[in-house]
Amino acid sequence: MVEQMELALEHYATRIAADLGIDVREMSGSGASGGLGTGLHALIGAKLYPRYEIIMQYLEFDKLMPEVDLVITAEGCIDYQTPRGKIPAEVAKRAKLYDLPVIALVGTIGEGADLNLNHGIDQYTSIMSYPCQLNEAIAETETLLTNAAEQIARLLLVGRQIRRATFAGW
């Protein structure tokens, strides 16, 4: 399916270049959402902005940072593309300005996901606790996210107990 989508987007870019004289292949964000931004840019002149810039206009992220100990972010699929402007990587960059650890809860772990460990995400984990089809995962996202967040909270509590036991023995 990914190969078919890639071929379709390549054909899309070729037609836009041939018919409109606009090369969208290297345009930042051009492949996102199945090329929706590309179409809007090529057909009506829309200006594309990084998702993070738009979302941060509505959130007071930097005001929150001094008040937190851990940042948890989420993404449908973490992979080699995540450090190229996807929101979890951008959130991680901001969190690192405050020396905060970052965990990403993700639907799937794709090729090159480990690159994110060099871009501010300290740990990532899939919310999938059992094999299922995409439509089922989407329908159960709230429950899967809640369960994964609870598992992380429990692991943090275990870590806290280990730390106390270690320091109590000194």
N, C-alpha and C. Protein backbone atom coordinates (compact mmCIF):
# COMPACT_ATOMS: atom_id res chain seq x y z
N MET A 1 0.82 -1.18 0.00
CA MET A 1 0.00 0.00 0.00
C MET A 1 0.88 1.26 0.00
N VAL A 2 1.97 1.25 0.78
CA VAL A 2 2.87 2.39 0.85
C VAL A 2 3.51 2.64 -0.53
N GLU A 3 3.90 1.55 -1.19
CA GLU A 3 4.49 1.69 -2.53
C GLU A 3 3.49 2.28 -3.51
N GLN A 4 2.24 1.86 -3.43
CA GLN A 4 1.20 2.40 -4.31
C GLN A 4 1.00 3.89 -4.04
N MET A 5 0.98 4.26 -2.78
CA MET A 5 0.81 5.67 -2.42
C MET A 5 1.99 6.49 -2.92
N GLU A 6 3.18 5.95 -2.77
CA GLU A 6 4.38 6.64 -3.24
C GLU A 6 4.33 6.86 -4.76
N LEU A 7 3.93 5.82 -5.49
CA LEU A 7 3.79 5.95 -6.94
C LEU A 7 2.72 6.97 -7.32
N ALA A 8 1.62 6.96 -6.60
CA ALA A 8 0.53 7.90 -6.87
C ALA A 8 0.98 9.34 -6.62
N LEU A 9 1.71 9.56 -5.52
CA LEU A 9 2.20 10.91 -5.21
C LEU A 9 3.25 11.37 -6.23
N GLU A 10 4.06 10.44 -6.69
CA GLU A 10 5.05 10.77 -7.73
C GLU A 10 4.33 11.18 -9.02
N HIS A 11 3.30 10.44 -9.40
CA HIS A 11 2.51 10.78 -10.59
C HIS A 11 1.84 12.14 -10.41
N TYR A 12 1.30 12.38 -9.23
CA TYR A 12 0.65 13.64 -8.87
C TYR A 12 1.64 14.80 -9.07
N ALA A 13 2.86 14.64 -8.53
CA ALA A 13 3.88 15.68 -8.64
C ALA A 13 4.28 15.91 -10.10
N THR A 14 4.38 14.83 -10.86
CA THR A 14 4.74 14.94 -12.28
C THR A 14 3.67 15.72 -13.05
N ARG A 15 2.40 15.43 -12.77
CA ARG A 15 1.29 16.13 -13.46
C ARG A 15 1.26 17.61 -13.07
N ILE A 16 1.49 17.90 -11.80
CA ILE A 16 1.51 19.31 -11.36
C ILE A 16 2.63 20.05 -12.06
N ALA A 17 3.81 19.43 -12.14
CA ALA A 17 4.95 20.07 -12.80
C ALA A 17 4.66 20.28 -14.28
N ALA A 18 4.11 19.28 -14.94
CA ALA A 18 3.84 19.37 -16.38
C ALA A 18 2.71 20.36 -16.69
N ASP A 19 1.65 20.32 -15.92
CA ASP A 19 0.47 21.15 -16.21
C ASP A 19 0.55 22.56 -15.65
N LEU A 20 1.20 22.72 -14.48
CA LEU A 20 1.20 24.03 -13.82
C LEU A 20 2.59 24.66 -13.71
N GLY A 21 3.62 23.88 -14.05
CA GLY A 21 4.98 24.41 -13.98
C GLY A 21 5.49 24.61 -12.56
N ILE A 22 4.95 23.86 -11.60
CA ILE A 22 5.36 23.98 -10.20
C ILE A 22 5.95 22.65 -9.76
N ASP A 23 7.22 22.70 -9.29
CA ASP A 23 7.86 21.47 -8.81
C ASP A 23 7.62 21.35 -7.30
N VAL A 24 6.80 20.39 -6.93
CA VAL A 24 6.45 20.23 -5.52
C VAL A 24 7.21 19.09 -4.85
N ARG A 25 8.09 18.42 -5.58
CA ARG A 25 8.76 17.24 -5.04
C ARG A 25 9.59 17.52 -3.79
N GLU A 26 10.28 18.62 -3.75
CA GLU A 26 11.13 18.95 -2.60
C GLU A 26 10.50 19.97 -1.67
N MET A 27 9.26 20.32 -1.92
CA MET A 27 8.58 21.31 -1.10
C MET A 27 8.29 20.72 0.28
N SER A 28 8.67 21.43 1.32
CA SER A 28 8.44 20.96 2.68
C SER A 28 6.96 20.74 2.93
N GLY A 29 6.62 19.56 3.43
CA GLY A 29 5.23 19.24 3.75
C GLY A 29 4.41 18.77 2.58
N SER A 30 5.02 18.64 1.41
CA SER A 30 4.24 18.32 0.21
C SER A 30 3.63 16.92 0.22
N GLY A 31 4.22 15.99 0.95
CA GLY A 31 3.68 14.64 0.96
C GLY A 31 2.71 14.38 2.10
N ALA A 32 2.60 15.32 3.02
CA ALA A 32 1.73 15.12 4.18
C ALA A 32 0.27 15.00 3.76
N SER A 33 -0.46 14.21 4.52
CA SER A 33 -1.90 14.00 4.29
C SER A 33 -2.19 13.61 2.86
N GLY A 34 -1.37 12.76 2.31
CA GLY A 34 -1.61 12.26 0.97
C GLY A 34 -1.47 13.33 -0.11
N GLY A 35 -0.68 14.36 0.16
CA GLY A 35 -0.45 15.39 -0.84
C GLY A 35 -1.51 16.50 -0.84
N LEU A 36 -2.31 16.57 0.20
CA LEU A 36 -3.35 17.60 0.28
C LEU A 36 -2.74 19.00 0.20
N GLY A 37 -1.69 19.24 0.97
CA GLY A 37 -1.04 20.55 0.95
C GLY A 37 -0.49 20.90 -0.42
N THR A 38 0.04 19.89 -1.11
CA THR A 38 0.56 20.10 -2.45
C THR A 38 -0.54 20.59 -3.38
N GLY A 39 -1.68 19.93 -3.33
CA GLY A 39 -2.81 20.33 -4.17
C GLY A 39 -3.28 21.74 -3.85
N LEU A 40 -3.40 22.04 -2.58
CA LEU A 40 -3.84 23.38 -2.19
C LEU A 40 -2.85 24.44 -2.63
N HIS A 41 -1.57 24.13 -2.50
CA HIS A 41 -0.53 25.08 -2.92
C HIS A 41 -0.56 25.26 -4.44
N ALA A 42 -0.56 24.16 -5.17
CA ALA A 42 -0.47 24.22 -6.63
C ALA A 42 -1.73 24.79 -7.27
N LEU A 43 -2.90 24.45 -6.73
CA LEU A 43 -4.14 24.84 -7.38
C LEU A 43 -4.68 26.20 -6.95
N ILE A 44 -4.48 26.57 -5.68
CA ILE A 44 -5.03 27.86 -5.26
C ILE A 44 -4.00 28.77 -4.59
N GLY A 45 -2.72 28.35 -4.61
CA GLY A 45 -1.66 29.21 -4.09
C GLY A 45 -1.56 29.25 -2.58
N ALA A 46 -2.12 28.27 -1.90
CA ALA A 46 -2.05 28.24 -0.43
C ALA A 46 -0.60 28.16 0.02
N LYS A 47 -0.29 28.81 1.13
CA LYS A 47 1.05 28.76 1.71
C LYS A 47 1.06 27.66 2.78
N LEU A 48 2.07 26.82 2.72
CA LEU A 48 2.17 25.72 3.68
C LEU A 48 3.04 26.13 4.86
N TYR A 49 2.59 25.76 6.04
CA TYR A 49 3.33 26.03 7.27
C TYR A 49 3.56 24.72 7.98
N PRO A 50 4.67 24.62 8.73
CA PRO A 50 4.86 23.41 9.53
C PRO A 50 3.71 23.26 10.53
N ARG A 51 3.25 22.05 10.71
CA ARG A 51 2.14 21.79 11.62
C ARG A 51 2.39 22.35 13.01
N TYR A 52 3.62 22.18 13.46
CA TYR A 52 3.97 22.62 14.81
C TYR A 52 3.74 24.12 14.98
N GLU A 53 4.15 24.89 13.98
CA GLU A 53 3.96 26.35 14.05
C GLU A 53 2.49 26.70 14.22
N ILE A 54 1.63 26.05 13.49
CA ILE A 54 0.20 26.35 13.55
C ILE A 54 -0.36 25.97 14.92
N ILE A 55 -0.06 24.77 15.38
CA ILE A 55 -0.61 24.30 16.66
C ILE A 55 -0.11 25.15 17.82
N MET A 56 1.15 25.53 17.79
CA MET A 56 1.71 26.29 18.91
C MET A 56 1.13 27.71 19.00
N GLN A 57 0.46 28.17 17.96
CA GLN A 57 -0.23 29.46 18.04
C GLN A 57 -1.38 29.39 19.04
N TYR A 58 -1.88 28.19 19.28
CA TYR A 58 -3.05 28.02 20.13
C TYR A 58 -2.73 27.42 21.50
N LEU A 59 -1.51 26.99 21.69
CA LEU A 59 -1.10 26.41 22.97
C LEU A 59 -0.06 27.29 23.63
N GLU A 60 -0.05 27.29 24.93
CA GLU A 60 0.96 28.06 25.67
C GLU A 60 2.01 27.08 26.20
N PHE A 61 2.61 26.38 25.27
CA PHE A 61 3.54 25.31 25.58
C PHE A 61 4.66 25.77 26.50
N ASP A 62 5.31 26.87 26.16
CA ASP A 62 6.45 27.32 26.95
C ASP A 62 6.06 27.75 28.37
N LYS A 63 4.83 28.19 28.55
CA LYS A 63 4.37 28.54 29.90
C LYS A 63 4.21 27.29 30.76
N LEU A 64 3.89 26.18 30.14
CA LEU A 64 3.68 24.94 30.87
C LEU A 64 4.99 24.26 31.28
N MET A 65 6.02 24.41 30.49
CA MET A 65 7.25 23.65 30.69
C MET A 65 7.86 23.76 32.08
N PRO A 66 7.94 24.94 32.69
CA PRO A 66 8.54 25.01 34.02
C PRO A 66 7.74 24.25 35.09
N GLU A 67 6.51 23.89 34.78
CA GLU A 67 5.64 23.24 35.77
C GLU A 67 5.61 21.72 35.65
N VAL A 68 6.29 21.14 34.65
CA VAL A 68 6.18 19.71 34.44
C VAL A 68 7.51 18.99 34.67
N ASP A 69 7.42 17.70 34.92
CA ASP A 69 8.60 16.86 35.12
C ASP A 69 8.85 15.92 33.95
N LEU A 70 7.81 15.69 33.14
CA LEU A 70 7.88 14.74 32.05
C LEU A 70 6.93 15.19 30.95
N VAL A 71 7.36 15.03 29.70
CA VAL A 71 6.51 15.35 28.56
C VAL A 71 6.14 14.04 27.87
N ILE A 72 4.84 13.85 27.66
CA ILE A 72 4.36 12.69 26.90
C ILE A 72 3.67 13.24 25.66
N THR A 73 4.09 12.76 24.51
CA THR A 73 3.52 13.18 23.24
C THR A 73 3.03 11.94 22.51
N ALA A 74 2.38 12.13 21.38
CA ALA A 74 1.82 10.97 20.66
C ALA A 74 1.92 11.17 19.15
N GLU A 75 1.90 10.05 18.44
CA GLU A 75 1.98 10.07 16.97
C GLU A 75 1.41 8.76 16.46
N GLY A 76 0.80 8.81 15.30
CA GLY A 76 0.26 7.60 14.70
C GLY A 76 1.35 6.59 14.39
N CYS A 77 2.43 7.07 13.77
CA CYS A 77 3.57 6.20 13.44
C CYS A 77 4.85 6.97 13.64
N ILE A 78 5.74 6.43 14.45
CA ILE A 78 7.05 7.05 14.63
C ILE A 78 8.01 6.32 13.70
N ASP A 79 8.77 7.07 12.91
CA ASP A 79 9.71 6.47 11.98
C ASP A 79 10.80 7.49 11.62
N TYR A 80 11.53 7.22 10.55
CA TYR A 80 12.63 8.09 10.14
C TYR A 80 12.15 9.48 9.73
N GLN A 81 10.87 9.64 9.43
CA GLN A 81 10.34 10.95 9.02
C GLN A 81 9.99 11.84 10.22
N THR A 82 9.81 11.26 11.38
CA THR A 82 9.37 12.02 12.55
C THR A 82 10.29 13.21 12.86
N PRO A 83 11.63 13.05 12.81
CA PRO A 83 12.49 14.21 13.10
C PRO A 83 12.42 15.31 12.03
N ARG A 84 11.74 15.05 10.94
CA ARG A 84 11.65 16.03 9.85
C ARG A 84 10.42 16.94 9.99
N GLY A 85 10.08 17.29 11.21
CA GLY A 85 9.02 18.26 11.42
C GLY A 85 7.71 17.72 11.97
N LYS A 86 7.63 16.42 12.26
CA LYS A 86 6.41 15.91 12.88
C LYS A 86 6.33 16.45 14.31
N ILE A 87 5.14 16.60 14.77
CA ILE A 87 4.91 17.26 16.06
C ILE A 87 5.67 16.63 17.23
N PRO A 88 5.74 15.29 17.38
CA PRO A 88 6.48 14.76 18.53
C PRO A 88 7.94 15.20 18.58
N ALA A 89 8.60 15.27 17.44
CA ALA A 89 9.99 15.71 17.42
C ALA A 89 10.10 17.19 17.76
N GLU A 90 9.16 17.98 17.29
CA GLU A 90 9.17 19.41 17.60
C GLU A 90 8.87 19.65 19.08
N VAL A 91 7.94 18.89 19.63
CA VAL A 91 7.65 18.98 21.06
C VAL A 91 8.90 18.59 21.85
N ALA A 92 9.58 17.53 21.42
CA ALA A 92 10.78 17.08 22.11
C ALA A 92 11.87 18.16 22.08
N LYS A 93 12.03 18.83 20.96
CA LYS A 93 13.02 19.92 20.88
C LYS A 93 12.73 20.99 21.92
N ARG A 94 11.47 21.38 22.04
CA ARG A 94 11.08 22.40 23.01
C ARG A 94 11.30 21.89 24.43
N ALA A 95 10.94 20.64 24.69
CA ALA A 95 11.09 20.08 26.03
C ALA A 95 12.57 20.04 26.44
N LYS A 96 13.44 19.77 25.49
CA LYS A 96 14.87 19.70 25.80
C LYS A 96 15.44 21.06 26.20
N LEU A 97 14.81 22.15 25.76
CA LEU A 97 15.23 23.48 26.20
C LEU A 97 15.03 23.63 27.71
N TYR A 98 14.15 22.82 28.27
CA TYR A 98 13.87 22.82 29.71
C TYR A 98 14.43 21.58 30.39
N ASP A 99 15.26 20.83 29.66
CA ASP A 99 15.91 19.63 30.17
C ASP A 99 14.89 18.60 30.67
N LEU A 100 13.80 18.44 29.93
CA LEU A 100 12.75 17.52 30.32
C LEU A 100 12.82 16.21 29.53
N PRO A 101 12.56 15.08 30.18
CA PRO A 101 12.48 13.82 29.45
C PRO A 101 11.20 13.76 28.63
N VAL A 102 11.26 13.03 27.51
CA VAL A 102 10.12 12.95 26.58
C VAL A 102 9.85 11.49 26.23
N ILE A 103 8.58 11.12 26.36
CA ILE A 103 8.12 9.80 25.96
C ILE A 103 7.08 9.99 24.86
N ALA A 104 7.17 9.20 23.80
CA ALA A 104 6.19 9.24 22.72
C ALA A 104 5.36 7.97 22.74
N LEU A 105 4.06 8.13 22.82
CA LEU A 105 3.13 7.01 22.68
C LEU A 105 2.72 6.97 21.22
N VAL A 106 2.91 5.84 20.57
CA VAL A 106 2.68 5.77 19.13
C VAL A 106 1.81 4.57 18.76
N GLY A 107 1.14 4.70 17.63
CA GLY A 107 0.37 3.58 17.13
C GLY A 107 1.29 2.49 16.63
N THR A 108 2.17 2.86 15.71
CA THR A 108 3.12 1.88 15.17
C THR A 108 4.53 2.43 15.20
N ILE A 109 5.47 1.52 15.21
CA ILE A 109 6.89 1.86 15.19
C ILE A 109 7.41 1.45 13.83
N GLY A 110 7.77 2.46 13.04
CA GLY A 110 8.19 2.21 11.67
C GLY A 110 9.69 2.19 11.50
N GLU A 111 10.09 2.03 10.25
CA GLU A 111 11.50 1.97 9.88
C GLU A 111 12.23 3.24 10.32
N GLY A 112 13.37 3.05 10.94
CA GLY A 112 14.21 4.17 11.35
C GLY A 112 13.72 4.92 12.58
N ALA A 113 12.82 4.31 13.34
CA ALA A 113 12.28 4.98 14.53
C ALA A 113 13.37 5.34 15.53
N ASP A 114 14.42 4.54 15.59
CA ASP A 114 15.49 4.79 16.55
C ASP A 114 16.19 6.13 16.31
N LEU A 115 16.07 6.71 15.13
CA LEU A 115 16.64 8.04 14.87
C LEU A 115 16.09 9.08 15.84
N ASN A 116 14.88 8.88 16.29
CA ASN A 116 14.23 9.83 17.18
C ASN A 116 14.92 9.94 18.53
N LEU A 117 15.65 8.90 18.91
CA LEU A 117 16.38 8.93 20.17
C LEU A 117 17.51 9.97 20.13
N ASN A 118 17.89 10.39 18.95
CA ASN A 118 18.91 11.44 18.80
C ASN A 118 18.28 12.82 18.57
N HIS A 119 16.95 12.89 18.63
CA HIS A 119 16.25 14.14 18.36
C HIS A 119 15.32 14.53 19.50
N GLY A 120 15.67 14.14 20.71
CA GLY A 120 14.94 14.61 21.88
C GLY A 120 13.91 13.67 22.45
N ILE A 121 13.52 12.66 21.72
CA ILE A 121 12.58 11.67 22.27
C ILE A 121 13.41 10.62 23.00
N ASP A 122 13.17 10.50 24.29
CA ASP A 122 13.98 9.60 25.11
C ASP A 122 13.49 8.16 25.09
N GLN A 123 12.21 7.99 24.87
CA GLN A 123 11.62 6.65 24.81
C GLN A 123 10.36 6.73 23.96
N TYR A 124 10.11 5.69 23.20
CA TYR A 124 8.84 5.59 22.48
C TYR A 124 8.33 4.17 22.66
N THR A 125 7.02 4.07 22.66
CA THR A 125 6.41 2.76 22.83
C THR A 125 5.08 2.73 22.08
N SER A 126 4.76 1.59 21.54
CA SER A 126 3.50 1.44 20.83
C SER A 126 2.36 1.26 21.83
N ILE A 127 1.23 1.84 21.51
CA ILE A 127 0.04 1.68 22.35
C ILE A 127 -0.66 0.36 22.05
N MET A 128 -0.23 -0.32 21.00
CA MET A 128 -0.88 -1.57 20.59
C MET A 128 -0.49 -2.67 21.57
N SER A 129 -1.49 -3.21 22.23
CA SER A 129 -1.22 -4.29 23.19
C SER A 129 -1.58 -5.66 22.62
N TYR A 130 -2.16 -5.64 21.42
CA TYR A 130 -2.52 -6.89 20.76
C TYR A 130 -2.60 -6.63 19.25
N PRO A 131 -2.38 -7.63 18.42
CA PRO A 131 -2.47 -7.43 16.98
C PRO A 131 -3.92 -7.13 16.57
N CYS A 132 -4.09 -6.13 15.72
CA CYS A 132 -5.43 -5.81 15.23
C CYS A 132 -5.33 -5.05 13.91
N GLN A 133 -6.44 -4.91 13.25
CA GLN A 133 -6.52 -4.17 12.00
C GLN A 133 -6.53 -2.67 12.30
N LEU A 134 -6.13 -1.86 11.31
CA LEU A 134 -6.07 -0.42 11.49
C LEU A 134 -7.40 0.17 11.92
N ASN A 135 -8.50 -0.25 11.29
CA ASN A 135 -9.80 0.32 11.65
C ASN A 135 -10.17 0.02 13.10
N GLU A 136 -9.78 -1.15 13.60
CA GLU A 136 -10.04 -1.48 15.00
C GLU A 136 -9.18 -0.61 15.92
N ALA A 137 -7.91 -0.44 15.54
CA ALA A 137 -7.00 0.40 16.34
C ALA A 137 -7.51 1.83 16.42
N ILE A 138 -7.99 2.35 15.31
CA ILE A 138 -8.52 3.71 15.28
C ILE A 138 -9.76 3.80 16.18
N ALA A 139 -10.64 2.82 16.09
CA ALA A 139 -11.85 2.82 16.91
C ALA A 139 -11.53 2.71 18.40
N GLU A 140 -10.43 2.05 18.73
CA GLU A 140 -10.05 1.82 20.13
C GLU A 140 -8.94 2.77 20.62
N THR A 141 -8.63 3.81 19.85
CA THR A 141 -7.50 4.68 20.19
C THR A 141 -7.57 5.21 21.61
N GLU A 142 -8.72 5.71 22.02
CA GLU A 142 -8.84 6.28 23.36
C GLU A 142 -8.47 5.26 24.44
N THR A 143 -9.01 4.08 24.32
CA THR A 143 -8.72 3.03 25.30
C THR A 143 -7.25 2.62 25.24
N LEU A 144 -6.73 2.45 24.03
CA LEU A 144 -5.32 2.05 23.89
C LEU A 144 -4.37 3.10 24.46
N LEU A 145 -4.65 4.37 24.19
CA LEU A 145 -3.82 5.45 24.74
C LEU A 145 -3.91 5.50 26.26
N THR A 146 -5.11 5.38 26.77
CA THR A 146 -5.31 5.40 28.23
C THR A 146 -4.54 4.26 28.89
N ASN A 147 -4.65 3.05 28.32
CA ASN A 147 -3.94 1.90 28.88
C ASN A 147 -2.44 2.08 28.82
N ALA A 148 -1.93 2.59 27.69
CA ALA A 148 -0.49 2.80 27.55
C ALA A 148 0.01 3.86 28.52
N ALA A 149 -0.75 4.93 28.70
CA ALA A 149 -0.36 5.97 29.65
C ALA A 149 -0.33 5.42 31.08
N GLU A 150 -1.30 4.57 31.40
CA GLU A 150 -1.31 3.96 32.73
C GLU A 150 -0.09 3.06 32.92
N GLN A 151 0.27 2.31 31.89
CA GLN A 151 1.46 1.45 31.98
C GLN A 151 2.71 2.27 32.23
N ILE A 152 2.82 3.41 31.54
CA ILE A 152 3.98 4.28 31.74
C ILE A 152 3.99 4.82 33.17
N ALA A 153 2.83 5.26 33.65
CA ALA A 153 2.75 5.78 35.02
C ALA A 153 3.17 4.71 36.02
N ARG A 154 2.73 3.48 35.80
CA ARG A 154 3.10 2.39 36.71
C ARG A 154 4.61 2.11 36.65
N LEU A 155 5.19 2.17 35.46
CA LEU A 155 6.65 1.98 35.33
C LEU A 155 7.41 3.09 36.06
N LEU A 156 6.91 4.30 35.95
CA LEU A 156 7.56 5.41 36.66
C LEU A 156 7.49 5.21 38.17
N LEU A 157 6.37 4.70 38.65
CA LEU A 157 6.25 4.42 40.08
C LEU A 157 7.21 3.31 40.51
N VAL A 158 7.36 2.29 39.68
CA VAL A 158 8.33 1.23 39.98
C VAL A 158 9.74 1.83 40.03
N GLY A 159 10.07 2.66 39.05
CA GLY A 159 11.38 3.31 39.05
C GLY A 159 11.61 4.15 40.29
N ARG A 160 10.59 4.81 40.74
CA ARG A 160 10.69 5.63 41.95
C ARG A 160 10.95 4.74 43.17
N GLN A 161 10.27 3.58 43.23
CA GLN A 161 10.48 2.65 44.34
C GLN A 161 11.89 2.08 44.32
N ILE A 162 12.39 1.77 43.13
CA ILE A 162 13.76 1.25 43.01
C ILE A 162 14.75 2.30 43.49
N ARG A 163 14.54 3.53 43.06
CA ARG A 163 15.44 4.62 43.47
C ARG A 163 15.43 4.78 44.99
N ARG A 164 14.25 4.75 45.61
CA ARG A 164 14.17 4.88 47.08
C ARG A 164 14.89 3.73 47.76
N ALA A 165 14.67 2.50 47.26
CA ALA A 165 15.29 1.32 47.86
C ALA A 165 16.81 1.39 47.74
N THR A 166 17.28 1.86 46.59
CA THR A 166 18.73 1.96 46.37
C THR A 166 19.35 2.97 47.30
N PHE A 167 18.75 4.15 47.42
CA PHE A 167 19.30 5.19 48.27
C PHE A 167 19.10 4.88 49.76
N ALA A 168 18.07 4.14 50.11
CA ALA A 168 17.84 3.78 51.51
C ALA A 168 18.91 2.81 52.00
N GLY A 169 19.44 2.01 51.07
CA GLY A 169 20.46 1.03 51.44
C GLY A 169 21.86 1.60 51.59
N TRP A 170 22.04 2.86 51.20
CA TRP A 170 23.39 3.47 51.29
C TRP A 170 23.66 3.99 52.64
